[in-house]
Amino acid sequence: MADAARAGRSAADSLERGTFHDEVRTYKVRASSADAPDSFQVYTGDREDIVLIISGINSGDLKATWGPFWRGFKPQWRAWLEDSAFRVFYSRNRPRPTARDRERFCEG
């Protein structure tokens, strides 16, 4: 039983992309899958309160769905949260440059 719990925890951990925070809360970003996720969610707190779900990443038809408590927040704050979440989501998804990527060739 402990092995199953540990396996479930490590699978969930592999979906975690990172965190960011404002003056009040820490927000966590979780991908929908380990390979080519089509959505991600932003949540906060021990109860894992869903703040925002961004879907349509692979199709490019992005849709933001806000949790009930968060819909009433000011548009500026919601734009900040979306931008912050995208930065966290994509920061772990970028390939690292190799030595070959840094090489420069001159043919002239």
PDB file of N, CA and C in Angstrom:
ATOM      1  N   MET A   1       0.823  -1.192   0.000  1.00  0.00           N
ATOM      2  CA  MET A   1       0.000   0.000   0.000  1.00  0.00           C
ATOM      3  C   MET A   1       0.871   1.262   0.000  1.00  0.00           C
ATOM      4  N   ALA A   2       1.939   1.249   0.765  1.00  0.00           N
ATOM      5  CA  ALA A   2       2.834   2.399   0.820  1.00  0.00           C
ATOM      6  C   ALA A   2       3.493   2.636  -0.528  1.00  0.00           C
ATOM      7  N   ASP A   3       3.822   1.546  -1.252  1.00  0.00           N
ATOM      8  CA  ASP A   3       4.426   1.686  -2.574  1.00  0.00           C
ATOM      9  C   ASP A   3       3.476   2.363  -3.550  1.00  0.00           C
ATOM     10  N   ALA A   4       2.189   2.016  -3.481  1.00  0.00           N
ATOM     11  CA  ALA A   4       1.201   2.634  -4.367  1.00  0.00           C
ATOM     12  C   ALA A   4       1.069   4.123  -4.062  1.00  0.00           C
ATOM     13  N   ALA A   5       1.060   4.456  -2.781  1.00  0.00           N
ATOM     14  CA  ALA A   5       0.968   5.876  -2.403  1.00  0.00           C
ATOM     15  C   ALA A   5       2.199   6.630  -2.868  1.00  0.00           C
ATOM     16  N   ARG A   6       3.373   6.019  -2.710  1.00  0.00           N
ATOM     17  CA  ARG A   6       4.610   6.655  -3.138  1.00  0.00           C
ATOM     18  C   ARG A   6       4.632   6.827  -4.647  1.00  0.00           C
ATOM     19  N   ALA A   7       4.170   5.818  -5.383  1.00  0.00           N
ATOM     20  CA  ALA A   7       4.134   5.902  -6.850  1.00  0.00           C
ATOM     21  C   ALA A   7       3.175   7.002  -7.294  1.00  0.00           C
ATOM     22  N   GLY A   8       2.020   7.106  -6.644  1.00  0.00           N
ATOM     23  CA  GLY A   8       1.062   8.157  -6.979  1.00  0.00           C
ATOM     24  C   GLY A   8       1.614   9.529  -6.699  1.00  0.00           C
ATOM     25  N   ARG A   9       2.345   9.657  -5.611  1.00  0.00           N
ATOM     26  CA  ARG A   9       2.930  10.938  -5.251  1.00  0.00           C
ATOM     27  C   ARG A   9       4.006  11.343  -6.259  1.00  0.00           C
ATOM     28  N   SER A  10       4.852  10.408  -6.683  1.00  0.00           N
ATOM     29  CA  SER A  10       5.908  10.762  -7.625  1.00  0.00           C
ATOM     30  C   SER A  10       5.330  11.085  -8.994  1.00  0.00           C
ATOM     31  N   ALA A  11       4.236  10.433  -9.389  1.00  0.00           N
ATOM     32  CA  ALA A  11       3.587  10.761 -10.659  1.00  0.00           C
ATOM     33  C   ALA A  11       3.025  12.175 -10.610  1.00  0.00           C
ATOM     34  N   ALA A  12       2.393  12.530  -9.495  1.00  0.00           N
ATOM     35  CA  ALA A  12       1.856  13.888  -9.347  1.00  0.00           C
ATOM     36  C   ALA A  12       2.981  14.903  -9.318  1.00  0.00           C
ATOM     37  N   ASP A  13       4.084  14.569  -8.638  1.00  0.00           N
ATOM     38  CA  ASP A  13       5.222  15.485  -8.565  1.00  0.00           C
ATOM     39  C   ASP A  13       5.806  15.759  -9.943  1.00  0.00           C
ATOM     40  N   SER A  14       5.760  14.776 -10.843  1.00  0.00           N
ATOM     41  CA  SER A  14       6.325  14.974 -12.176  1.00  0.00           C
ATOM     42  C   SER A  14       5.500  15.963 -12.998  1.00  0.00           C
ATOM     43  N   LEU A  15       4.271  16.202 -12.590  1.00  0.00           N
ATOM     44  CA  LEU A  15       3.412  17.158 -13.301  1.00  0.00           C
ATOM     45  C   LEU A  15       3.586  18.580 -12.785  1.00  0.00           C
ATOM     46  N   GLU A  16       4.165  18.723 -11.601  1.00  0.00           N
ATOM     47  CA  GLU A  16       4.360  20.045 -11.014  1.00  0.00           C
ATOM     48  C   GLU A  16       5.381  20.828 -11.828  1.00  0.00           C
ATOM     49  N   ARG A  17       5.034  22.072 -12.176  1.00  0.00           N
ATOM     50  CA  ARG A  17       5.947  22.925 -12.949  1.00  0.00           C
ATOM     51  C   ARG A  17       6.637  23.969 -12.103  1.00  0.00           C
ATOM     52  N   GLY A  18       6.073  24.337 -10.967  1.00  0.00           N
ATOM     53  CA  GLY A  18       6.698  25.340 -10.121  1.00  0.00           C
ATOM     54  C   GLY A  18       5.670  26.175  -9.389  1.00  0.00           C
ATOM     55  N   THR A  19       6.158  27.233  -8.734  1.00  0.00           N
ATOM     56  CA  THR A  19       5.294  28.100  -7.936  1.00  0.00           C
ATOM     57  C   THR A  19       5.612  29.566  -8.207  1.00  0.00           C
ATOM     58  N   PHE A  20       4.696  30.413  -7.813  1.00  0.00           N
ATOM     59  CA  PHE A  20       4.895  31.856  -7.777  1.00  0.00           C
ATOM     60  C   PHE A  20       4.000  32.387  -6.672  1.00  0.00           C
ATOM     61  N   HIS A  21       4.159  33.628  -6.308  1.00  0.00           N
ATOM     62  CA  HIS A  21       3.371  34.146  -5.197  1.00  0.00           C
ATOM     63  C   HIS A  21       3.081  35.626  -5.338  1.00  0.00           C
ATOM     64  N   ASP A  22       2.068  36.049  -4.606  1.00  0.00           N
ATOM     65  CA  ASP A  22       1.786  37.473  -4.456  1.00  0.00           C
ATOM     66  C   ASP A  22       2.006  37.806  -2.984  1.00  0.00           C
ATOM     67  N   GLU A  23       1.454  38.901  -2.500  1.00  0.00           N
ATOM     68  CA  GLU A  23       1.668  39.301  -1.115  1.00  0.00           C
ATOM     69  C   GLU A  23       0.945  38.392  -0.125  1.00  0.00           C
ATOM     70  N   VAL A  24      -0.025  37.615  -0.599  1.00  0.00           N
ATOM     71  CA  VAL A  24      -0.883  36.847   0.294  1.00  0.00           C
ATOM     72  C   VAL A  24      -0.702  35.332   0.155  1.00  0.00           C
ATOM     73  N   ARG A  25      -0.604  34.836  -1.070  1.00  0.00           N
ATOM     74  CA  ARG A  25      -0.651  33.394  -1.324  1.00  0.00           C
ATOM     75  C   ARG A  25       0.501  32.908  -2.191  1.00  0.00           C
ATOM     76  N   THR A  26       0.722  31.606  -2.127  1.00  0.00           N
ATOM     77  CA  THR A  26       1.618  30.921  -3.047  1.00  0.00           C
ATOM     78  C   THR A  26       0.747  30.109  -3.996  1.00  0.00           C
ATOM     79  N   TYR A  27       1.036  30.208  -5.278  1.00  0.00           N
ATOM     80  CA  TYR A  27       0.285  29.511  -6.319  1.00  0.00           C
ATOM     81  C   TYR A  27       1.179  28.438  -6.928  1.00  0.00           C
ATOM     82  N   LYS A  28       0.597  27.283  -7.188  1.00  0.00           N
ATOM     83  CA  LYS A  28       1.325  26.166  -7.783  1.00  0.00           C
ATOM     84  C   LYS A  28       0.770  25.918  -9.176  1.00  0.00           C
ATOM     85  N   VAL A  29       1.661  25.528 -10.098  1.00  0.00           N
ATOM     86  CA  VAL A  29       1.269  25.252 -11.475  1.00  0.00           C
ATOM     87  C   VAL A  29       1.514  23.772 -11.737  1.00  0.00           C
ATOM     88  N   ARG A  30       0.476  23.095 -12.255  1.00  0.00           N
ATOM     89  CA  ARG A  30       0.544  21.664 -12.532  1.00  0.00           C
ATOM     90  C   ARG A  30       0.082  21.406 -13.969  1.00  0.00           C
ATOM     91  N   ALA A  31       0.891  20.671 -14.734  1.00  0.00           N
ATOM     92  CA  ALA A  31       0.543  20.302 -16.114  1.00  0.00           C
ATOM     93  C   ALA A  31      -0.471  19.161 -16.098  1.00  0.00           C
ATOM     94  N   SER A  32      -1.227  19.024 -17.193  1.00  0.00           N
ATOM     95  CA  SER A  32      -2.232  17.966 -17.279  1.00  0.00           C
ATOM     96  C   SER A  32      -1.607  16.598 -17.535  1.00  0.00           C
ATOM     97  N   SER A  33      -0.437  16.568 -18.129  1.00  0.00           N
ATOM     98  CA  SER A  33       0.268  15.303 -18.357  1.00  0.00           C
ATOM     99  C   SER A  33       1.758  15.588 -18.474  1.00  0.00           C
ATOM    100  N   ALA A  34       2.545  14.532 -18.369  1.00  0.00           N
ATOM    101  CA  ALA A  34       3.998  14.707 -18.429  1.00  0.00           C
ATOM    102  C   ALA A  34       4.468  14.988 -19.856  1.00  0.00           C
ATOM    103  N   ASP A  35       3.822  14.394 -20.841  1.00  0.00           N
ATOM    104  CA  ASP A  35       4.218  14.560 -22.243  1.00  0.00           C
ATOM    105  C   ASP A  35       3.147  15.340 -23.002  1.00  0.00           C
ATOM    106  N   ALA A  36       3.543  16.429 -23.612  1.00  0.00           N
ATOM    107  CA  ALA A  36       2.669  17.279 -24.434  1.00  0.00           C
ATOM    108  C   ALA A  36       1.342  17.607 -23.759  1.00  0.00           C
ATOM    109  N   PRO A  37       1.385  18.245 -22.603  1.00  0.00           N
ATOM    110  CA  PRO A  37       0.126  18.591 -21.915  1.00  0.00           C
ATOM    111  C   PRO A  37      -0.686  19.591 -22.728  1.00  0.00           C
ATOM    112  N   ASP A  38      -1.996  19.406 -22.723  1.00  0.00           N
ATOM    113  CA  ASP A  38      -2.877  20.325 -23.433  1.00  0.00           C
ATOM    114  C   ASP A  38      -3.462  21.384 -22.501  1.00  0.00           C
ATOM    115  N   SER A  39      -3.198  21.240 -21.202  1.00  0.00           N
ATOM    116  CA  SER A  39      -3.708  22.228 -20.259  1.00  0.00           C
ATOM    117  C   SER A  39      -2.816  22.250 -19.023  1.00  0.00           C
ATOM    118  N   PHE A  40      -3.016  23.281 -18.237  1.00  0.00           N
ATOM    119  CA  PHE A  40      -2.391  23.327 -16.919  1.00  0.00           C
ATOM    120  C   PHE A  40      -3.341  24.013 -15.971  1.00  0.00           C
ATOM    121  N   GLN A  41      -3.126  23.760 -14.686  1.00  0.00           N
ATOM    122  CA  GLN A  41      -3.969  24.386 -13.675  1.00  0.00           C
ATOM    123  C   GLN A  41      -3.104  25.098 -12.655  1.00  0.00           C
ATOM    124  N   VAL A  42      -3.681  26.143 -12.117  1.00  0.00           N
ATOM    125  CA  VAL A  42      -3.056  26.910 -11.048  1.00  0.00           C
ATOM    126  C   VAL A  42      -3.922  26.682  -9.823  1.00  0.00           C
ATOM    127  N   TYR A  43      -3.292  26.307  -8.720  1.00  0.00           N
ATOM    128  CA  TYR A  43      -4.029  26.068  -7.494  1.00  0.00           C
ATOM    129  C   TYR A  43      -3.246  26.616  -6.314  1.00  0.00           C
ATOM    130  N   THR A  44      -3.936  26.726  -5.198  1.00  0.00           N
ATOM    131  CA  THR A  44      -3.317  27.267  -3.996  1.00  0.00           C
ATOM    132  C   THR A  44      -3.881  26.572  -2.776  1.00  0.00           C
ATOM    133  N   GLY A  45      -3.140  26.610  -1.705  1.00  0.00           N
ATOM    134  CA  GLY A  45      -3.616  26.097  -0.427  1.00  0.00           C
ATOM    135  C   GLY A  45      -3.507  24.603  -0.262  1.00  0.00           C
ATOM    136  N   ASP A  46      -3.680  24.164   0.972  1.00  0.00           N
ATOM    137  CA  ASP A  46      -3.611  22.743   1.281  1.00  0.00           C
ATOM    138  C   ASP A  46      -4.778  21.971   0.669  1.00  0.00           C
ATOM    139  N   ARG A  47      -5.900  22.629   0.494  1.00  0.00           N
ATOM    140  CA  ARG A  47      -7.064  21.964  -0.092  1.00  0.00           C
ATOM    141  C   ARG A  47      -6.966  21.908  -1.611  1.00  0.00           C
ATOM    142  N   GLU A  48      -5.917  22.463  -2.143  1.00  0.00           N
ATOM    143  CA  GLU A  48      -5.725  22.555  -3.585  1.00  0.00           C
ATOM    144  C   GLU A  48      -6.925  23.227  -4.262  1.00  0.00           C
ATOM    145  N   ASP A  49      -7.185  24.448  -3.831  1.00  0.00           N
ATOM    146  CA  ASP A  49      -8.247  25.268  -4.400  1.00  0.00           C
ATOM    147  C   ASP A  49      -7.835  25.669  -5.821  1.00  0.00           C
ATOM    148  N   ILE A  50      -8.626  25.276  -6.813  1.00  0.00           N
ATOM    149  CA  ILE A  50      -8.326  25.603  -8.209  1.00  0.00           C
ATOM    150  C   ILE A  50      -8.581  27.085  -8.440  1.00  0.00           C
ATOM    151  N   VAL A  51      -7.550  27.780  -8.883  1.00  0.00           N
ATOM    152  CA  VAL A  51      -7.646  29.201  -9.179  1.00  0.00           C
ATOM    153  C   VAL A  51      -7.987  29.383 -10.658  1.00  0.00           C
ATOM    154  N   LEU A  52      -7.250  28.673 -11.520  1.00  0.00           N
ATOM    155  CA  LEU A  52      -7.346  28.879 -12.961  1.00  0.00           C
ATOM    156  C   LEU A  52      -6.955  27.609 -13.695  1.00  0.00           C
ATOM    157  N   ILE A  53      -7.659  27.327 -14.789  1.00  0.00           N
ATOM    158  CA  ILE A  53      -7.266  26.253 -15.704  1.00  0.00           C
ATOM    159  C   ILE A  53      -7.118  26.876 -17.086  1.00  0.00           C
ATOM    160  N   ILE A  54      -5.969  26.669 -17.704  1.00  0.00           N
ATOM    161  CA  ILE A  54      -5.731  27.107 -19.077  1.00  0.00           C
ATOM    162  C   ILE A  54      -5.752  25.858 -19.942  1.00  0.00           C
ATOM    163  N   SER A  55      -6.644  25.822 -20.922  1.00  0.00           N
ATOM    164  CA  SER A  55      -6.733  24.668 -21.816  1.00  0.00           C
ATOM    165  C   SER A  55      -6.509  25.114 -23.259  1.00  0.00           C
ATOM    166  N   GLY A  56      -6.315  24.127 -24.141  1.00  0.00           N
ATOM    167  CA  GLY A  56      -6.112  24.409 -25.560  1.00  0.00           C
ATOM    168  C   GLY A  56      -4.690  24.759 -25.923  1.00  0.00           C
ATOM    169  N   ILE A  57      -3.727  24.339 -25.126  1.00  0.00           N
ATOM    170  CA  ILE A  57      -2.326  24.701 -25.379  1.00  0.00           C
ATOM    171  C   ILE A  57      -1.837  24.117 -26.701  1.00  0.00           C
ATOM    172  N   ASN A  58      -2.130  22.849 -26.954  1.00  0.00           N
ATOM    173  CA  ASN A  58      -1.638  22.208 -28.177  1.00  0.00           C
ATOM    174  C   ASN A  58      -2.334  22.729 -29.425  1.00  0.00           C
ATOM    175  N   SER A  59      -3.606  23.040 -29.324  1.00  0.00           N
ATOM    176  CA  SER A  59      -4.352  23.525 -30.486  1.00  0.00           C
ATOM    177  C   SER A  59      -4.145  25.012 -30.728  1.00  0.00           C
ATOM    178  N   GLY A  60      -3.689  25.731 -29.698  1.00  0.00           N
ATOM    179  CA  GLY A  60      -3.538  27.175 -29.815  1.00  0.00           C
ATOM    180  C   GLY A  60      -4.833  27.922 -29.540  1.00  0.00           C
ATOM    181  N   ASP A  61      -5.918  27.192 -29.284  1.00  0.00           N
ATOM    182  CA  ASP A  61      -7.214  27.782 -28.972  1.00  0.00           C
ATOM    183  C   ASP A  61      -7.327  27.880 -27.450  1.00  0.00           C
ATOM    184  N   LEU A  62      -6.616  28.849 -26.867  1.00  0.00           N
ATOM    185  CA  LEU A  62      -6.510  28.966 -25.418  1.00  0.00           C
ATOM    186  C   LEU A  62      -7.814  29.417 -24.783  1.00  0.00           C
ATOM    187  N   LYS A  63      -8.109  28.801 -23.646  1.00  0.00           N
ATOM    188  CA  LYS A  63      -9.295  29.170 -22.883  1.00  0.00           C
ATOM    189  C   LYS A  63      -8.937  29.192 -21.407  1.00  0.00           C
ATOM    190  N   ALA A  64      -9.291  30.276 -20.744  1.00  0.00           N
ATOM    191  CA  ALA A  64      -9.062  30.417 -19.309  1.00  0.00           C
ATOM    192  C   ALA A  64     -10.374  30.158 -18.577  1.00  0.00           C
ATOM    193  N   THR A  65     -10.339  29.234 -17.624  1.00  0.00           N
ATOM    194  CA  THR A  65     -11.502  28.953 -16.789  1.00  0.00           C
ATOM    195  C   THR A  65     -11.113  29.242 -15.354  1.00  0.00           C
ATOM    196  N   TRP A  66     -11.810  30.190 -14.740  1.00  0.00           N
ATOM    197  CA  TRP A  66     -11.486  30.623 -13.380  1.00  0.00           C
ATOM    198  C   TRP A  66     -12.326  29.868 -12.369  1.00  0.00           C
ATOM    199  N   GLY A  67     -11.733  29.572 -11.227  1.00  0.00           N
ATOM    200  CA  GLY A  67     -12.464  28.976 -10.117  1.00  0.00           C
ATOM    201  C   GLY A  67     -13.484  29.970  -9.591  1.00  0.00           C
ATOM    202  N   PRO A  68     -14.550  29.471  -8.953  1.00  0.00           N
ATOM    203  CA  PRO A  68     -15.652  30.344  -8.508  1.00  0.00           C
ATOM    204  C   PRO A  68     -15.214  31.525  -7.643  1.00  0.00           C
ATOM    205  N   PHE A  69     -14.330  31.303  -6.690  1.00  0.00           N
ATOM    206  CA  PHE A  69     -13.903  32.372  -5.798  1.00  0.00           C
ATOM    207  C   PHE A  69     -13.104  33.438  -6.537  1.00  0.00           C
ATOM    208  N   TRP A  70     -12.402  33.057  -7.584  1.00  0.00           N
ATOM    209  CA  TRP A  70     -11.430  33.920  -8.250  1.00  0.00           C
ATOM    210  C   TRP A  70     -12.017  34.739  -9.390  1.00  0.00           C
ATOM    211  N   ARG A  71     -13.210  34.409  -9.832  1.00  0.00           N
ATOM    212  CA  ARG A  71     -13.834  35.115 -10.970  1.00  0.00           C
ATOM    213  C   ARG A  71     -14.068  36.587 -10.699  1.00  0.00           C
ATOM    214  N   GLY A  72     -14.298  36.947  -9.447  1.00  0.00           N
ATOM    215  CA  GLY A  72     -14.615  38.329  -9.106  1.00  0.00           C
ATOM    216  C   GLY A  72     -13.407  39.234  -8.907  1.00  0.00           C
ATOM    217  N   PHE A  73     -12.203  38.680  -9.007  1.00  0.00           N
ATOM    218  CA  PHE A  73     -11.011  39.505  -8.819  1.00  0.00           C
ATOM    219  C   PHE A  73     -10.859  40.483  -9.980  1.00  0.00           C
ATOM    220  N   LYS A  74     -10.132  41.570  -9.736  1.00  0.00           N
ATOM    221  CA  LYS A  74      -9.952  42.614 -10.742  1.00  0.00           C
ATOM    222  C   LYS A  74      -9.240  42.088 -11.990  1.00  0.00           C
ATOM    223  N   PRO A  75      -9.587  42.615 -13.167  1.00  0.00           N
ATOM    224  CA  PRO A  75      -8.959  42.167 -14.416  1.00  0.00           C
ATOM    225  C   PRO A  75      -7.431  42.298 -14.416  1.00  0.00           C
ATOM    226  N   GLN A  76      -6.895  43.348 -13.778  1.00  0.00           N
ATOM    227  CA  GLN A  76      -5.446  43.524 -13.741  1.00  0.00           C
ATOM    228  C   GLN A  76      -4.772  42.391 -12.960  1.00  0.00           C
ATOM    229  N   TRP A  77      -5.382  42.003 -11.847  1.00  0.00           N
ATOM    230  CA  TRP A  77      -4.830  40.916 -11.053  1.00  0.00           C
ATOM    231  C   TRP A  77      -4.914  39.597 -11.823  1.00  0.00           C
ATOM    232  N   ARG A  78      -6.037  39.366 -12.483  1.00  0.00           N
ATOM    233  CA  ARG A  78      -6.199  38.122 -13.249  1.00  0.00           C
ATOM    234  C   ARG A  78      -5.198  38.064 -14.402  1.00  0.00           C
ATOM    235  N   ALA A  79      -4.924  39.197 -15.049  1.00  0.00           N
ATOM    236  CA  ALA A  79      -3.922  39.231 -16.122  1.00  0.00           C
ATOM    237  C   ALA A  79      -2.540  38.928 -15.551  1.00  0.00           C
ATOM    238  N   TRP A  80      -2.223  39.491 -14.379  1.00  0.00           N
ATOM    239  CA  TRP A  80      -0.945  39.198 -13.729  1.00  0.00           C
ATOM    240  C   TRP A  80      -0.818  37.707 -13.419  1.00  0.00           C
ATOM    241  N   LEU A  81      -1.898  37.128 -12.882  1.00  0.00           N
ATOM    242  CA  LEU A  81      -1.844  35.718 -12.519  1.00  0.00           C
ATOM    243  C   LEU A  81      -1.662  34.839 -13.766  1.00  0.00           C
ATOM    244  N   GLU A  82      -2.384  35.121 -14.833  1.00  0.00           N
ATOM    245  CA  GLU A  82      -2.224  34.368 -16.084  1.00  0.00           C
ATOM    246  C   GLU A  82      -0.789  34.467 -16.601  1.00  0.00           C
ATOM    247  N   ASP A  83      -0.255  35.672 -16.648  1.00  0.00           N
ATOM    248  CA  ASP A  83       1.126  35.863 -17.130  1.00  0.00           C
ATOM    249  C   ASP A  83       2.121  35.101 -16.264  1.00  0.00           C
ATOM    250  N   SER A  84       1.964  35.181 -14.963  1.00  0.00           N
ATOM    251  CA  SER A  84       2.866  34.492 -14.043  1.00  0.00           C
ATOM    252  C   SER A  84       2.771  32.981 -14.229  1.00  0.00           C
ATOM    253  N   ALA A  85       1.562  32.480 -14.389  1.00  0.00           N
ATOM    254  CA  ALA A  85       1.357  31.042 -14.562  1.00  0.00           C
ATOM    255  C   ALA A  85       1.989  30.549 -15.859  1.00  0.00           C
ATOM    256  N   PHE A  86       1.824  31.306 -16.943  1.00  0.00           N
ATOM    257  CA  PHE A  86       2.449  30.915 -18.216  1.00  0.00           C
ATOM    258  C   PHE A  86       3.962  30.896 -18.095  1.00  0.00           C
ATOM    259  N   ARG A  87       4.542  31.883 -17.406  1.00  0.00           N
ATOM    260  CA  ARG A  87       5.999  31.904 -17.226  1.00  0.00           C
ATOM    261  C   ARG A  87       6.475  30.655 -16.487  1.00  0.00           C
ATOM    262  N   VAL A  88       5.778  30.282 -15.431  1.00  0.00           N
ATOM    263  CA  VAL A  88       6.160  29.094 -14.666  1.00  0.00           C
ATOM    264  C   VAL A  88       5.963  27.841 -15.515  1.00  0.00           C
ATOM    265  N   PHE A  89       4.845  27.739 -16.206  1.00  0.00           N
ATOM    266  CA  PHE A  89       4.553  26.551 -17.017  1.00  0.00           C
ATOM    267  C   PHE A  89       5.617  26.335 -18.084  1.00  0.00           C
ATOM    268  N   TYR A  90       5.988  27.394 -18.796  1.00  0.00           N
ATOM    269  CA  TYR A  90       6.940  27.247 -19.894  1.00  0.00           C
ATOM    270  C   TYR A  90       8.399  27.268 -19.450  1.00  0.00           C
ATOM    271  N   SER A  91       8.706  27.786 -18.276  1.00  0.00           N
ATOM    272  CA  SER A  91      10.106  27.852 -17.861  1.00  0.00           C
ATOM    273  C   SER A  91      10.709  26.469 -17.675  1.00  0.00           C
ATOM    274  N   ARG A  92       9.919  25.505 -17.291  1.00  0.00           N
ATOM    275  CA  ARG A  92      10.422  24.145 -17.098  1.00  0.00           C
ATOM    276  C   ARG A  92      10.323  23.324 -18.372  1.00  0.00           C
ATOM    277  N   ASN A  93       9.712  23.850 -19.391  1.00  0.00           N
ATOM    278  CA  ASN A  93       9.458  23.114 -20.624  1.00  0.00           C
ATOM    279  C   ASN A  93      10.492  23.428 -21.700  1.00  0.00           C
ATOM    280  N   ARG A  94      11.350  24.399 -21.459  1.00  0.00           N
ATOM    281  CA  ARG A  94      12.314  24.810 -22.479  1.00  0.00           C
ATOM    282  C   ARG A  94      13.506  23.869 -22.510  1.00  0.00           C
ATOM    283  N   PRO A  95      13.937  23.487 -23.705  1.00  0.00           N
ATOM    284  CA  PRO A  95      15.139  22.659 -23.769  1.00  0.00           C
ATOM    285  C   PRO A  95      16.362  23.492 -23.413  1.00  0.00           C
ATOM    286  N   ARG A  96      17.301  22.874 -22.744  1.00  0.00           N
ATOM    287  CA  ARG A  96      18.541  23.568 -22.384  1.00  0.00           C
ATOM    288  C   ARG A  96      19.472  23.586 -23.585  1.00  0.00           C
ATOM    289  N   PRO A  97      20.166  24.700 -23.814  1.00  0.00           N
ATOM    290  CA  PRO A  97      21.093  24.741 -24.952  1.00  0.00           C
ATOM    291  C   PRO A  97      22.274  23.807 -24.723  1.00  0.00           C
ATOM    292  N   THR A  98      22.691  23.166 -25.790  1.00  0.00           N
ATOM    293  CA  THR A  98      23.861  22.289 -25.721  1.00  0.00           C
ATOM    294  C   THR A  98      25.081  23.071 -26.194  1.00  0.00           C
ATOM    295  N   ALA A  99      26.260  22.472 -26.076  1.00  0.00           N
ATOM    296  CA  ALA A  99      27.485  23.119 -26.549  1.00  0.00           C
ATOM    297  C   ALA A  99      27.385  23.377 -28.047  1.00  0.00           C
ATOM    298  N   ARG A 100      26.778  22.460 -28.779  1.00  0.00           N
ATOM    299  CA  ARG A 100      26.621  22.627 -30.230  1.00  0.00           C
ATOM    300  C   ARG A 100      25.742  23.841 -30.552  1.00  0.00           C
ATOM    301  N   ASP A 101      24.733  24.100 -29.746  1.00  0.00           N
ATOM    302  CA  ASP A 101      23.863  25.255 -29.959  1.00  0.00           C
ATOM    303  C   ASP A 101      24.633  26.563 -29.800  1.00  0.00           C
ATOM    304  N   ARG A 102      25.672  26.555 -28.990  1.00  0.00           N
ATOM    305  CA  ARG A 102      26.436  27.771 -28.727  1.00  0.00           C
ATOM    306  C   ARG A 102      27.570  27.984 -29.742  1.00  0.00           C
ATOM    307  N   GLU A 103      27.867  26.963 -30.554  1.00  0.00           N
ATOM    308  CA  GLU A 103      28.931  27.098 -31.538  1.00  0.00           C
ATOM    309  C   GLU A 103      28.507  28.046 -32.650  1.00  0.00           C
ATOM    310  N   ARG A 104      29.471  28.803 -33.148  1.00  0.00           N
ATOM    311  CA  ARG A 104      29.196  29.711 -34.262  1.00  0.00           C
ATOM    312  C   ARG A 104      30.163  29.398 -35.384  1.00  0.00           C
ATOM    313  N   PHE A 105      29.669  29.459 -36.583  1.00  0.00           N
ATOM    314  CA  PHE A 105      30.504  29.151 -37.739  1.00  0.00           C
ATOM    315  C   PHE A 105      30.552  30.355 -38.648  1.00  0.00           C
ATOM    316  N   CYS A 106      31.700  30.587 -39.206  1.00  0.00           N
ATOM    317  CA  CYS A 106      31.865  31.667 -40.164  1.00  0.00           C
ATOM    318  C   CYS A 106      32.424  31.059 -41.445  1.00  0.00           C
ATOM    319  N   GLU A 107      31.712  31.291 -42.522  1.00  0.00           N
ATOM    320  CA  GLU A 107      32.156  30.730 -43.803  1.00  0.00           C
ATOM    321  C   GLU A 107      32.579  31.855 -44.752  1.00  0.00           C
ATOM    322  N   GLY A 108      33.189  32.859 -44.240  1.00  0.00           N
ATOM    323  CA  GLY A 108      33.497  33.950 -45.126  1.00  0.00           C
ATOM    324  C   GLY A 108      34.683  34.668 -44.818  1.00  0.00           C
TER     325      GLY A 108
END
